[in-house]
Amino acid sequence: MAQAITVLLVLLIISPAALAVTYTVGDTRGWSTGFDYTTWHAGKTFTTDDSLLFTYGPSHTVDEVNQADYLSCSTTSPISSSATSPTTIDLTEAGTRYFICVTNGHCARGQKLAVTVTAASATPASPPPPAGGAAPSPPTRTPTTPATPTTPTTPATPGTPPRTGSAPPPPSGGAAAALSGRSTGLVAGLSVVLVAVFGLMG
């Protein structure tokens, strides 16, 4: 039991890290000239838990710049600069990040990357209030009226059979005829028996 709890705690601790992704820029091609980084990052989602890993040779650099310098391949005021591979850039803030290689002519030959970073765990926005600004009132519940208790039936007087509901309907025509036929047969049978008894007695 203690071992299972320990494993669960370890999983809870490492689960946020497991959700973070480290993207190797350019995959097996790495950070170099003559590669389309716009196509490489298309379809990828970068969040504030993720990182970019730049791998490159000694003739390249990784400089983070603003949008204007990215568009003009300018190196006048880099935000950060690195010339030692590999270079890891943690995406800690939401927004668009811009990277270029400052080696002469490399940015113009496509060694540039712009990624848009979104917040890793955005809090869902609250629903807008209804028109007029009034808060919605809770639904009202109409109480149900309890059923009226039924009046108990009066117990039957000893010696008389209890009455349960209304009297049964009279038998239909076919049932009356059958009962009449049975009575006639019973009377005839009794007559035969009585005649036999009186004959023995005489």
N, C-alpha and C. Protein backbone atom coordinates (compact mmCIF):
# COMPACT_ATOMS: atom_id res chain seq x y z
N MET A 1 0.83 -1.20 0.00
CA MET A 1 0.00 0.00 0.00
C MET A 1 0.87 1.26 0.00
N ALA A 2 1.91 1.25 0.87
CA ALA A 2 2.80 2.41 0.95
C ALA A 2 3.53 2.62 -0.38
N GLN A 3 3.89 1.52 -1.04
CA GLN A 3 4.59 1.64 -2.33
C GLN A 3 3.67 2.24 -3.39
N ALA A 4 2.40 1.86 -3.38
CA ALA A 4 1.45 2.41 -4.36
C ALA A 4 1.26 3.91 -4.13
N ILE A 5 1.21 4.34 -2.88
CA ILE A 5 1.07 5.77 -2.58
C ILE A 5 2.30 6.53 -3.04
N THR A 6 3.48 5.95 -2.84
CA THR A 6 4.72 6.60 -3.28
C THR A 6 4.73 6.79 -4.80
N VAL A 7 4.34 5.75 -5.53
CA VAL A 7 4.30 5.85 -7.00
C VAL A 7 3.32 6.92 -7.44
N LEU A 8 2.18 7.00 -6.77
CA LEU A 8 1.18 8.00 -7.12
C LEU A 8 1.71 9.40 -6.89
N LEU A 9 2.40 9.62 -5.77
CA LEU A 9 2.97 10.94 -5.48
C LEU A 9 4.02 11.33 -6.51
N VAL A 10 4.84 10.37 -6.91
CA VAL A 10 5.86 10.66 -7.93
C VAL A 10 5.21 11.05 -9.24
N LEU A 11 4.15 10.35 -9.62
CA LEU A 11 3.45 10.68 -10.87
C LEU A 11 2.83 12.06 -10.80
N LEU A 12 2.28 12.43 -9.65
CA LEU A 12 1.69 13.75 -9.50
C LEU A 12 2.75 14.84 -9.60
N ILE A 13 3.94 14.55 -9.08
CA ILE A 13 5.00 15.55 -9.11
C ILE A 13 5.54 15.75 -10.52
N ILE A 14 5.72 14.66 -11.27
CA ILE A 14 6.34 14.77 -12.59
C ILE A 14 5.34 15.03 -13.70
N SER A 15 4.03 14.95 -13.43
CA SER A 15 3.05 15.11 -14.51
C SER A 15 3.10 16.47 -15.18
N PRO A 16 3.26 17.61 -14.46
CA PRO A 16 3.36 18.88 -15.17
C PRO A 16 4.55 18.91 -16.11
N ALA A 17 5.70 18.36 -15.67
CA ALA A 17 6.88 18.34 -16.53
C ALA A 17 6.66 17.46 -17.75
N ALA A 18 5.88 16.38 -17.58
CA ALA A 18 5.64 15.49 -18.70
C ALA A 18 4.81 16.17 -19.78
N LEU A 19 4.03 17.19 -19.42
CA LEU A 19 3.21 17.88 -20.39
C LEU A 19 4.03 18.87 -21.21
N ALA A 20 5.18 19.33 -20.69
CA ALA A 20 6.02 20.27 -21.42
C ALA A 20 6.71 19.56 -22.58
N VAL A 21 6.93 20.30 -23.68
CA VAL A 21 7.55 19.74 -24.87
C VAL A 21 8.79 20.56 -25.21
N THR A 22 9.89 19.86 -25.52
CA THR A 22 11.09 20.52 -26.03
C THR A 22 11.16 20.25 -27.53
N TYR A 23 11.03 21.31 -28.30
CA TYR A 23 11.05 21.18 -29.76
C TYR A 23 12.48 21.42 -30.27
N THR A 24 13.02 20.43 -30.97
CA THR A 24 14.32 20.60 -31.63
C THR A 24 14.08 21.35 -32.93
N VAL A 25 14.55 22.58 -32.99
CA VAL A 25 14.27 23.43 -34.15
C VAL A 25 14.88 22.81 -35.40
N GLY A 26 14.03 22.60 -36.41
CA GLY A 26 14.48 21.99 -37.66
C GLY A 26 14.60 20.49 -37.60
N ASP A 27 14.25 19.89 -36.46
CA ASP A 27 14.36 18.44 -36.28
C ASP A 27 15.79 17.97 -36.61
N THR A 28 15.94 16.98 -37.49
CA THR A 28 17.28 16.45 -37.78
C THR A 28 18.14 17.44 -38.56
N ARG A 29 17.50 18.40 -39.21
CA ARG A 29 18.27 19.40 -39.98
C ARG A 29 18.93 20.43 -39.05
N GLY A 30 18.30 20.65 -37.90
CA GLY A 30 18.86 21.61 -36.95
C GLY A 30 18.67 23.05 -37.40
N TRP A 31 19.52 23.92 -36.86
CA TRP A 31 19.47 25.36 -37.14
C TRP A 31 20.54 25.68 -38.18
N SER A 32 20.07 25.88 -39.43
CA SER A 32 21.02 26.08 -40.52
C SER A 32 20.36 26.88 -41.63
N THR A 33 21.12 27.18 -42.65
CA THR A 33 20.58 27.92 -43.79
C THR A 33 19.92 26.94 -44.77
N GLY A 34 19.11 27.52 -45.68
CA GLY A 34 18.50 26.71 -46.72
C GLY A 34 17.39 25.79 -46.22
N PHE A 35 16.77 26.14 -45.11
CA PHE A 35 15.69 25.31 -44.57
C PHE A 35 14.48 26.20 -44.33
N ASP A 36 13.28 25.68 -44.58
CA ASP A 36 12.05 26.47 -44.43
C ASP A 36 11.49 26.28 -43.01
N TYR A 37 11.81 27.19 -42.13
CA TYR A 37 11.35 27.08 -40.73
C TYR A 37 9.88 27.47 -40.59
N THR A 38 9.35 28.19 -41.56
CA THR A 38 7.91 28.50 -41.52
C THR A 38 7.10 27.22 -41.69
N THR A 39 7.54 26.38 -42.63
CA THR A 39 6.87 25.10 -42.82
C THR A 39 7.10 24.19 -41.62
N TRP A 40 8.30 24.24 -41.04
CA TRP A 40 8.61 23.37 -39.90
C TRP A 40 7.68 23.62 -38.71
N HIS A 41 7.42 24.89 -38.41
CA HIS A 41 6.62 25.15 -37.20
C HIS A 41 5.12 25.18 -37.48
N ALA A 42 4.71 25.05 -38.74
CA ALA A 42 3.28 25.04 -39.06
C ALA A 42 2.62 23.81 -38.44
N GLY A 43 1.48 24.02 -37.78
CA GLY A 43 0.75 22.92 -37.15
C GLY A 43 1.20 22.60 -35.74
N LYS A 44 2.30 23.21 -35.29
CA LYS A 44 2.77 22.97 -33.92
C LYS A 44 2.15 24.01 -32.98
N THR A 45 1.89 23.60 -31.76
CA THR A 45 1.35 24.51 -30.76
C THR A 45 2.40 24.70 -29.67
N PHE A 46 2.85 25.93 -29.49
CA PHE A 46 3.86 26.25 -28.49
C PHE A 46 3.21 26.92 -27.29
N THR A 47 3.47 26.39 -26.10
CA THR A 47 2.88 26.97 -24.88
C THR A 47 4.00 27.40 -23.94
N THR A 48 3.61 28.07 -22.86
CA THR A 48 4.59 28.62 -21.92
C THR A 48 5.27 27.54 -21.08
N ASP A 49 4.92 26.29 -21.26
CA ASP A 49 5.65 25.19 -20.60
C ASP A 49 6.74 24.62 -21.51
N ASP A 50 6.77 25.01 -22.78
CA ASP A 50 7.64 24.38 -23.76
C ASP A 50 9.00 25.08 -23.88
N SER A 51 9.89 24.43 -24.65
CA SER A 51 11.23 24.98 -24.90
C SER A 51 11.59 24.75 -26.36
N LEU A 52 12.51 25.60 -26.85
CA LEU A 52 13.09 25.43 -28.18
C LEU A 52 14.55 25.02 -28.00
N LEU A 53 14.98 23.99 -28.72
CA LEU A 53 16.36 23.53 -28.67
C LEU A 53 16.99 23.77 -30.04
N PHE A 54 17.97 24.67 -30.07
CA PHE A 54 18.68 24.98 -31.30
C PHE A 54 20.01 24.21 -31.31
N THR A 55 20.23 23.41 -32.35
CA THR A 55 21.51 22.71 -32.54
C THR A 55 22.11 23.21 -33.85
N TYR A 56 23.40 23.61 -33.81
CA TYR A 56 23.97 24.25 -34.99
C TYR A 56 25.49 24.15 -34.96
N GLY A 57 26.07 24.46 -36.09
CA GLY A 57 27.52 24.43 -36.23
C GLY A 57 28.15 25.74 -35.78
N PRO A 58 29.47 25.80 -35.81
CA PRO A 58 30.19 26.98 -35.29
C PRO A 58 29.99 28.25 -36.10
N SER A 59 29.45 28.15 -37.30
CA SER A 59 29.28 29.36 -38.11
C SER A 59 27.94 30.04 -37.89
N HIS A 60 27.14 29.54 -36.95
CA HIS A 60 25.80 30.09 -36.73
C HIS A 60 25.66 30.67 -35.32
N THR A 61 24.60 31.46 -35.17
CA THR A 61 24.25 32.01 -33.87
C THR A 61 22.74 31.94 -33.71
N VAL A 62 22.29 32.09 -32.48
CA VAL A 62 20.85 32.20 -32.20
C VAL A 62 20.65 33.53 -31.49
N ASP A 63 20.04 34.47 -32.19
CA ASP A 63 19.76 35.78 -31.61
C ASP A 63 18.25 35.98 -31.56
N GLU A 64 17.76 36.37 -30.38
CA GLU A 64 16.34 36.73 -30.28
C GLU A 64 16.24 38.23 -30.52
N VAL A 65 15.30 38.60 -31.41
CA VAL A 65 15.16 40.00 -31.80
C VAL A 65 13.69 40.39 -31.76
N ASN A 66 13.42 41.68 -31.96
CA ASN A 66 12.03 42.13 -32.04
C ASN A 66 11.51 41.91 -33.45
N GLN A 67 10.23 42.22 -33.65
CA GLN A 67 9.60 41.94 -34.94
C GLN A 67 10.24 42.73 -36.07
N ALA A 68 10.54 44.00 -35.83
CA ALA A 68 11.12 44.83 -36.89
C ALA A 68 12.47 44.28 -37.34
N ASP A 69 13.32 43.90 -36.38
CA ASP A 69 14.64 43.34 -36.74
C ASP A 69 14.50 41.98 -37.42
N TYR A 70 13.48 41.24 -37.04
CA TYR A 70 13.23 39.94 -37.68
C TYR A 70 12.88 40.14 -39.14
N LEU A 71 12.00 41.09 -39.41
CA LEU A 71 11.57 41.32 -40.79
C LEU A 71 12.69 41.87 -41.66
N SER A 72 13.56 42.69 -41.07
CA SER A 72 14.64 43.31 -41.85
C SER A 72 15.96 42.56 -41.73
N CYS A 73 15.95 41.43 -40.95
CA CYS A 73 17.19 40.68 -40.69
C CYS A 73 18.26 41.60 -40.12
N SER A 74 17.86 42.49 -39.21
CA SER A 74 18.79 43.42 -38.60
C SER A 74 19.33 42.84 -37.30
N THR A 75 20.53 43.21 -36.94
CA THR A 75 21.14 42.73 -35.69
C THR A 75 21.55 43.90 -34.80
N THR A 76 20.86 45.02 -34.93
CA THR A 76 21.28 46.22 -34.20
C THR A 76 21.05 46.11 -32.70
N SER A 77 19.95 45.47 -32.30
CA SER A 77 19.65 45.43 -30.86
C SER A 77 19.03 44.09 -30.49
N PRO A 78 19.82 43.01 -30.45
CA PRO A 78 19.26 41.71 -30.08
C PRO A 78 18.81 41.67 -28.63
N ILE A 79 17.74 40.92 -28.38
CA ILE A 79 17.26 40.73 -26.99
C ILE A 79 18.19 39.78 -26.26
N SER A 80 18.65 38.74 -26.95
CA SER A 80 19.63 37.80 -26.40
C SER A 80 20.42 37.23 -27.56
N SER A 81 21.59 36.68 -27.26
CA SER A 81 22.43 36.13 -28.32
C SER A 81 23.21 34.94 -27.78
N SER A 82 23.34 33.91 -28.61
CA SER A 82 24.10 32.73 -28.23
C SER A 82 24.83 32.19 -29.44
N ALA A 83 26.08 31.75 -29.22
CA ALA A 83 26.87 31.17 -30.31
C ALA A 83 27.43 29.81 -29.91
N THR A 84 26.87 29.24 -28.85
CA THR A 84 27.33 27.94 -28.36
C THR A 84 26.21 26.92 -28.46
N SER A 85 26.36 25.93 -29.31
CA SER A 85 25.34 24.89 -29.49
C SER A 85 25.54 23.79 -28.44
N PRO A 86 24.46 23.22 -27.94
CA PRO A 86 23.05 23.56 -28.23
C PRO A 86 22.59 24.73 -27.36
N THR A 87 21.60 25.45 -27.87
CA THR A 87 21.02 26.58 -27.15
C THR A 87 19.56 26.26 -26.85
N THR A 88 19.20 26.34 -25.57
CA THR A 88 17.80 26.08 -25.18
C THR A 88 17.13 27.41 -24.82
N ILE A 89 15.99 27.65 -25.41
CA ILE A 89 15.20 28.84 -25.13
C ILE A 89 13.91 28.39 -24.47
N ASP A 90 13.71 28.79 -23.21
CA ASP A 90 12.46 28.46 -22.51
C ASP A 90 11.39 29.46 -22.89
N LEU A 91 10.24 28.96 -23.29
CA LEU A 91 9.12 29.83 -23.70
C LEU A 91 8.29 30.15 -22.45
N THR A 92 8.73 31.15 -21.72
CA THR A 92 8.11 31.43 -20.42
C THR A 92 6.98 32.43 -20.48
N GLU A 93 6.85 33.15 -21.60
CA GLU A 93 5.82 34.19 -21.71
C GLU A 93 5.02 33.99 -22.98
N ALA A 94 3.72 34.31 -22.89
CA ALA A 94 2.87 34.24 -24.07
C ALA A 94 3.20 35.39 -25.01
N GLY A 95 3.05 35.15 -26.29
CA GLY A 95 3.35 36.17 -27.29
C GLY A 95 4.18 35.57 -28.42
N THR A 96 4.60 36.41 -29.36
CA THR A 96 5.39 35.93 -30.49
C THR A 96 6.87 36.20 -30.22
N ARG A 97 7.69 35.18 -30.44
CA ARG A 97 9.15 35.28 -30.24
C ARG A 97 9.82 35.16 -31.61
N TYR A 98 10.90 35.95 -31.79
CA TYR A 98 11.57 36.02 -33.09
C TYR A 98 13.05 35.68 -32.92
N PHE A 99 13.55 34.78 -33.80
CA PHE A 99 14.94 34.33 -33.72
C PHE A 99 15.57 34.39 -35.12
N ILE A 100 16.83 34.83 -35.18
CA ILE A 100 17.56 34.87 -36.45
C ILE A 100 19.01 34.45 -36.19
N CYS A 101 19.70 34.10 -37.27
CA CYS A 101 21.14 33.90 -37.21
C CYS A 101 21.79 35.19 -37.73
N VAL A 102 22.74 35.74 -36.94
CA VAL A 102 23.30 37.04 -37.31
C VAL A 102 24.51 36.93 -38.25
N THR A 103 24.91 35.70 -38.56
CA THR A 103 26.00 35.55 -39.53
C THR A 103 25.58 36.17 -40.85
N ASN A 104 26.49 36.89 -41.48
CA ASN A 104 26.18 37.66 -42.68
C ASN A 104 25.48 36.81 -43.74
N GLY A 105 24.25 37.22 -44.12
CA GLY A 105 23.49 36.59 -45.19
C GLY A 105 22.66 35.38 -44.77
N HIS A 106 22.86 34.86 -43.55
CA HIS A 106 22.14 33.65 -43.15
C HIS A 106 20.64 33.91 -42.94
N CYS A 107 20.31 35.03 -42.30
CA CYS A 107 18.89 35.34 -42.08
C CYS A 107 18.17 35.51 -43.42
N ALA A 108 18.81 36.19 -44.35
CA ALA A 108 18.20 36.41 -45.67
C ALA A 108 18.01 35.10 -46.41
N ARG A 109 18.79 34.09 -46.07
CA ARG A 109 18.68 32.78 -46.73
C ARG A 109 17.76 31.84 -45.96
N GLY A 110 16.97 32.39 -45.06
CA GLY A 110 15.92 31.61 -44.41
C GLY A 110 16.19 31.15 -43.00
N GLN A 111 17.37 31.50 -42.45
CA GLN A 111 17.67 31.05 -41.08
C GLN A 111 17.04 32.02 -40.09
N LYS A 112 15.74 31.93 -39.99
CA LYS A 112 14.95 32.79 -39.10
C LYS A 112 13.70 32.04 -38.68
N LEU A 113 13.24 32.31 -37.48
CA LEU A 113 12.09 31.57 -36.95
C LEU A 113 11.25 32.49 -36.08
N ALA A 114 9.95 32.46 -36.30
CA ALA A 114 9.00 33.20 -35.46
C ALA A 114 7.99 32.19 -34.92
N VAL A 115 7.83 32.17 -33.60
CA VAL A 115 6.86 31.24 -32.99
C VAL A 115 5.91 32.03 -32.11
N THR A 116 4.65 31.65 -32.14
CA THR A 116 3.63 32.27 -31.28
C THR A 116 3.38 31.35 -30.10
N VAL A 117 3.54 31.88 -28.91
CA VAL A 117 3.43 31.11 -27.67
C VAL A 117 2.13 31.47 -26.98
N THR A 118 1.40 30.45 -26.57
CA THR A 118 0.15 30.67 -25.84
C THR A 118 0.32 30.21 -24.39
N ALA A 119 -0.53 30.73 -23.52
CA ALA A 119 -0.47 30.35 -22.11
C ALA A 119 -0.80 28.88 -21.96
N ALA A 120 -0.06 28.20 -21.08
CA ALA A 120 -0.23 26.75 -20.92
C ALA A 120 -1.55 26.40 -20.29
N SER A 121 -2.01 27.21 -19.35
CA SER A 121 -3.27 26.90 -18.66
C SER A 121 -4.08 28.17 -18.54
N ALA A 122 -4.86 28.44 -19.58
CA ALA A 122 -5.70 29.63 -19.56
C ALA A 122 -6.94 29.37 -18.73
N THR A 123 -7.29 30.35 -17.88
CA THR A 123 -8.51 30.23 -17.08
C THR A 123 -9.70 30.57 -17.95
N PRO A 124 -10.71 29.72 -18.01
CA PRO A 124 -11.87 30.02 -18.86
C PRO A 124 -12.56 31.29 -18.40
N ALA A 125 -12.96 32.09 -19.37
CA ALA A 125 -13.63 33.34 -19.04
C ALA A 125 -15.00 33.08 -18.45
N SER A 126 -15.41 34.02 -17.55
CA SER A 126 -16.73 33.90 -16.95
C SER A 126 -17.78 34.23 -17.99
N PRO A 127 -18.95 33.60 -17.92
CA PRO A 127 -20.00 33.91 -18.90
C PRO A 127 -20.46 35.34 -18.71
N PRO A 128 -20.78 36.04 -19.80
CA PRO A 128 -21.21 37.44 -19.67
C PRO A 128 -22.52 37.53 -18.93
N PRO A 129 -22.73 38.65 -18.18
CA PRO A 129 -23.99 38.81 -17.47
C PRO A 129 -25.12 39.00 -18.46
N PRO A 130 -26.35 38.71 -18.08
CA PRO A 130 -27.48 38.91 -18.99
C PRO A 130 -27.71 40.39 -19.25
N ALA A 131 -28.49 40.68 -20.28
CA ALA A 131 -28.81 42.07 -20.62
C ALA A 131 -29.42 42.78 -19.43
N GLY A 132 -28.99 44.02 -19.21
CA GLY A 132 -29.51 44.77 -18.07
C GLY A 132 -28.62 44.66 -16.86
N GLY A 133 -27.66 43.74 -16.88
CA GLY A 133 -26.71 43.63 -15.80
C GLY A 133 -27.20 42.89 -14.59
N ALA A 134 -28.44 42.47 -14.59
CA ALA A 134 -28.98 41.77 -13.41
C ALA A 134 -28.49 40.34 -13.42
N ALA A 135 -28.17 39.86 -12.25
CA ALA A 135 -27.73 38.47 -12.13
C ALA A 135 -28.92 37.54 -12.34
N PRO A 136 -28.73 36.44 -12.97
CA PRO A 136 -29.87 35.52 -13.17
C PRO A 136 -30.36 34.98 -11.84
N SER A 137 -31.68 34.96 -11.70
CA SER A 137 -32.25 34.45 -10.47
C SER A 137 -32.28 32.94 -10.51
N PRO A 138 -32.11 32.33 -9.33
CA PRO A 138 -32.15 30.86 -9.33
C PRO A 138 -33.52 30.35 -9.70
N PRO A 139 -33.61 29.22 -10.30
CA PRO A 139 -34.93 28.68 -10.68
C PRO A 139 -35.76 28.40 -9.44
N THR A 140 -37.07 28.73 -9.56
CA THR A 140 -37.98 28.50 -8.44
C THR A 140 -38.59 27.12 -8.55
N ARG A 141 -38.83 26.54 -7.42
CA ARG A 141 -39.43 25.21 -7.39
C ARG A 141 -40.77 25.31 -6.69
N THR A 142 -41.86 24.92 -7.36
CA THR A 142 -43.18 24.95 -6.75
C THR A 142 -43.36 23.68 -5.93
N PRO A 143 -43.65 23.87 -4.61
CA PRO A 143 -43.82 22.65 -3.79
C PRO A 143 -45.02 21.87 -4.24
N THR A 144 -44.92 20.60 -4.22
CA THR A 144 -46.03 19.73 -4.61
C THR A 144 -46.95 19.53 -3.42
N THR A 145 -48.25 19.47 -3.71
CA THR A 145 -49.24 19.26 -2.64
C THR A 145 -49.27 17.78 -2.30
N PRO A 146 -49.13 17.47 -1.00
CA PRO A 146 -49.17 16.04 -0.65
C PRO A 146 -50.52 15.43 -0.95
N ALA A 147 -50.51 14.20 -1.30
CA ALA A 147 -51.77 13.51 -1.63
C ALA A 147 -52.65 13.39 -0.40
N THR A 148 -53.99 13.53 -0.62
CA THR A 148 -54.94 13.40 0.49
C THR A 148 -55.02 11.95 0.90
N PRO A 149 -54.85 11.69 2.22
CA PRO A 149 -54.92 10.28 2.64
C PRO A 149 -56.30 9.71 2.42
N THR A 150 -56.35 8.49 2.05
CA THR A 150 -57.64 7.84 1.80
C THR A 150 -58.28 7.45 3.13
N THR A 151 -59.61 7.48 3.15
CA THR A 151 -60.34 7.13 4.37
C THR A 151 -60.33 5.62 4.54
N PRO A 152 -59.89 5.15 5.74
CA PRO A 152 -59.85 3.70 5.92
C PRO A 152 -61.24 3.10 5.90
N THR A 153 -61.34 1.91 5.42
CA THR A 153 -62.65 1.23 5.36
C THR A 153 -63.02 0.71 6.74
N THR A 154 -64.31 0.70 7.00
CA THR A 154 -64.81 0.21 8.29
C THR A 154 -64.73 -1.29 8.32
N PRO A 155 -64.12 -1.84 9.38
CA PRO A 155 -64.03 -3.31 9.44
C PRO A 155 -65.40 -3.95 9.44
N ALA A 156 -65.48 -5.12 8.87
CA ALA A 156 -66.77 -5.83 8.77
C ALA A 156 -67.20 -6.32 10.14
N THR A 157 -68.53 -6.37 10.33
CA THR A 157 -69.10 -6.90 11.57
C THR A 157 -68.88 -8.39 11.62
N PRO A 158 -68.51 -8.92 12.81
CA PRO A 158 -68.30 -10.37 12.89
C PRO A 158 -69.52 -11.13 12.42
N GLY A 159 -69.27 -12.14 11.68
CA GLY A 159 -70.38 -12.97 11.20
C GLY A 159 -70.80 -12.61 9.80
N THR A 160 -70.41 -11.45 9.34
CA THR A 160 -70.80 -11.06 7.98
C THR A 160 -69.53 -10.97 7.14
N PRO A 161 -69.59 -11.43 5.95
CA PRO A 161 -68.39 -11.36 5.11
C PRO A 161 -68.04 -9.91 4.79
N PRO A 162 -66.78 -9.61 4.75
CA PRO A 162 -66.41 -8.23 4.44
C PRO A 162 -66.81 -7.86 3.03
N ARG A 163 -67.16 -6.60 2.91
CA ARG A 163 -67.57 -6.10 1.60
C ARG A 163 -66.35 -5.46 0.94
N THR A 164 -66.04 -5.93 -0.16
CA THR A 164 -64.89 -5.38 -0.90
C THR A 164 -65.38 -4.78 -2.19
N GLY A 165 -65.52 -3.51 -2.18
CA GLY A 165 -65.94 -2.84 -3.41
C GLY A 165 -67.39 -3.09 -3.74
N SER A 166 -67.75 -2.95 -4.98
CA SER A 166 -69.13 -3.13 -5.42
C SER A 166 -69.40 -4.59 -5.70
N ALA A 167 -70.68 -4.89 -5.78
CA ALA A 167 -71.10 -6.27 -6.04
C ALA A 167 -70.69 -6.65 -7.44
N PRO A 168 -70.35 -7.93 -7.65
CA PRO A 168 -69.95 -8.35 -9.00
C PRO A 168 -71.11 -8.24 -9.95
N PRO A 169 -70.85 -7.96 -11.20
CA PRO A 169 -71.95 -7.83 -12.17
C PRO A 169 -72.62 -9.17 -12.38
N PRO A 170 -73.89 -9.13 -12.75
CA PRO A 170 -74.61 -10.38 -13.01
C PRO A 170 -73.98 -11.09 -14.18
N PRO A 171 -74.08 -12.41 -14.20
CA PRO A 171 -73.48 -13.15 -15.31
C PRO A 171 -74.13 -12.79 -16.62
N SER A 172 -73.35 -12.88 -17.65
CA SER A 172 -73.89 -12.58 -18.98
C SER A 172 -74.84 -13.69 -19.40
N GLY A 173 -75.46 -13.47 -20.57
CA GLY A 173 -76.47 -14.45 -21.02
C GLY A 173 -75.94 -15.85 -21.14
N GLY A 174 -74.74 -16.00 -21.70
CA GLY A 174 -74.18 -17.33 -21.86
C GLY A 174 -73.87 -17.97 -20.53
N ALA A 175 -73.35 -17.18 -19.57
CA ALA A 175 -73.04 -17.72 -18.24
C ALA A 175 -74.30 -18.09 -17.51
N ALA A 176 -75.40 -17.33 -17.64
CA ALA A 176 -76.66 -17.64 -16.96
C ALA A 176 -77.24 -18.93 -17.50
N ALA A 177 -77.13 -19.12 -18.81
CA ALA A 177 -77.66 -20.35 -19.40
C ALA A 177 -76.89 -21.56 -18.91
N ALA A 178 -75.57 -21.39 -18.80
CA ALA A 178 -74.77 -22.52 -18.33
C ALA A 178 -75.12 -22.86 -16.90
N LEU A 179 -75.30 -21.83 -16.05
CA LEU A 179 -75.68 -22.10 -14.65
C LEU A 179 -77.05 -22.76 -14.56
N SER A 180 -77.98 -22.30 -15.42
CA SER A 180 -79.32 -22.89 -15.41
C SER A 180 -79.27 -24.36 -15.81
N GLY A 181 -78.46 -24.66 -16.84
CA GLY A 181 -78.34 -26.05 -17.28
C GLY A 181 -77.74 -26.93 -16.20
N ARG A 182 -76.76 -26.42 -15.46
CA ARG A 182 -76.15 -27.20 -14.38
C ARG A 182 -77.15 -27.45 -13.26
N SER A 183 -77.99 -26.47 -12.95
CA SER A 183 -79.00 -26.66 -11.89
C SER A 183 -80.02 -27.72 -12.29
N THR A 184 -80.43 -27.70 -13.55
CA THR A 184 -81.40 -28.68 -14.02
C THR A 184 -80.84 -30.09 -13.95
N GLY A 185 -79.58 -30.24 -14.36
CA GLY A 185 -78.96 -31.55 -14.30
C GLY A 185 -78.81 -32.04 -12.87
N LEU A 186 -78.51 -31.12 -11.95
CA LEU A 186 -78.36 -31.50 -10.55
C LEU A 186 -79.69 -31.96 -9.96
N VAL A 187 -80.76 -31.24 -10.28
CA VAL A 187 -82.08 -31.64 -9.77
C VAL A 187 -82.49 -33.01 -10.31
N ALA A 188 -82.20 -33.24 -11.61
CA ALA A 188 -82.57 -34.54 -12.20
C ALA A 188 -81.81 -35.66 -11.54
N GLY A 189 -80.51 -35.41 -11.25
CA GLY A 189 -79.71 -36.45 -10.60
C GLY A 189 -80.21 -36.76 -9.21
N LEU A 190 -80.59 -35.73 -8.46
CA LEU A 190 -81.13 -35.93 -7.11
C LEU A 190 -82.46 -36.70 -7.16
N SER A 191 -83.24 -36.42 -8.16
CA SER A 191 -84.52 -37.13 -8.27
C SER A 191 -84.30 -38.62 -8.47
N VAL A 192 -83.30 -38.95 -9.31
CA VAL A 192 -83.03 -40.37 -9.57
C VAL A 192 -82.58 -41.04 -8.29
N VAL A 193 -81.72 -40.35 -7.51
CA VAL A 193 -81.24 -40.95 -6.27
C VAL A 193 -82.38 -41.15 -5.28
N LEU A 194 -83.26 -40.16 -5.15
CA LEU A 194 -84.38 -40.26 -4.21
C LEU A 194 -85.31 -41.42 -4.59
N VAL A 195 -85.54 -41.55 -5.90
CA VAL A 195 -86.42 -42.65 -6.33
C VAL A 195 -85.80 -43.99 -5.98
N ALA A 196 -84.51 -44.13 -6.17
CA ALA A 196 -83.85 -45.39 -5.84
C ALA A 196 -83.90 -45.68 -4.36
N VAL A 197 -83.70 -44.61 -3.56
CA VAL A 197 -83.74 -44.83 -2.09
C VAL A 197 -85.11 -45.26 -1.66
N PHE A 198 -86.16 -44.57 -2.10
CA PHE A 198 -87.51 -44.93 -1.70
C PHE A 198 -87.87 -46.33 -2.20
N GLY A 199 -87.33 -46.74 -3.38
CA GLY A 199 -87.62 -48.08 -3.88
C GLY A 199 -87.00 -49.14 -2.98
N LEU A 200 -85.86 -48.91 -2.43
CA LEU A 200 -85.24 -49.86 -1.51
C LEU A 200 -86.01 -49.94 -0.21
N MET A 201 -86.49 -48.78 0.21
CA MET A 201 -87.24 -48.75 1.47
C MET A 201 -88.56 -49.47 1.33
N GLY A 202 -89.20 -49.42 0.20
CA GLY A 202 -90.51 -50.08 0.01
C GLY A 202 -90.34 -51.51 -0.15
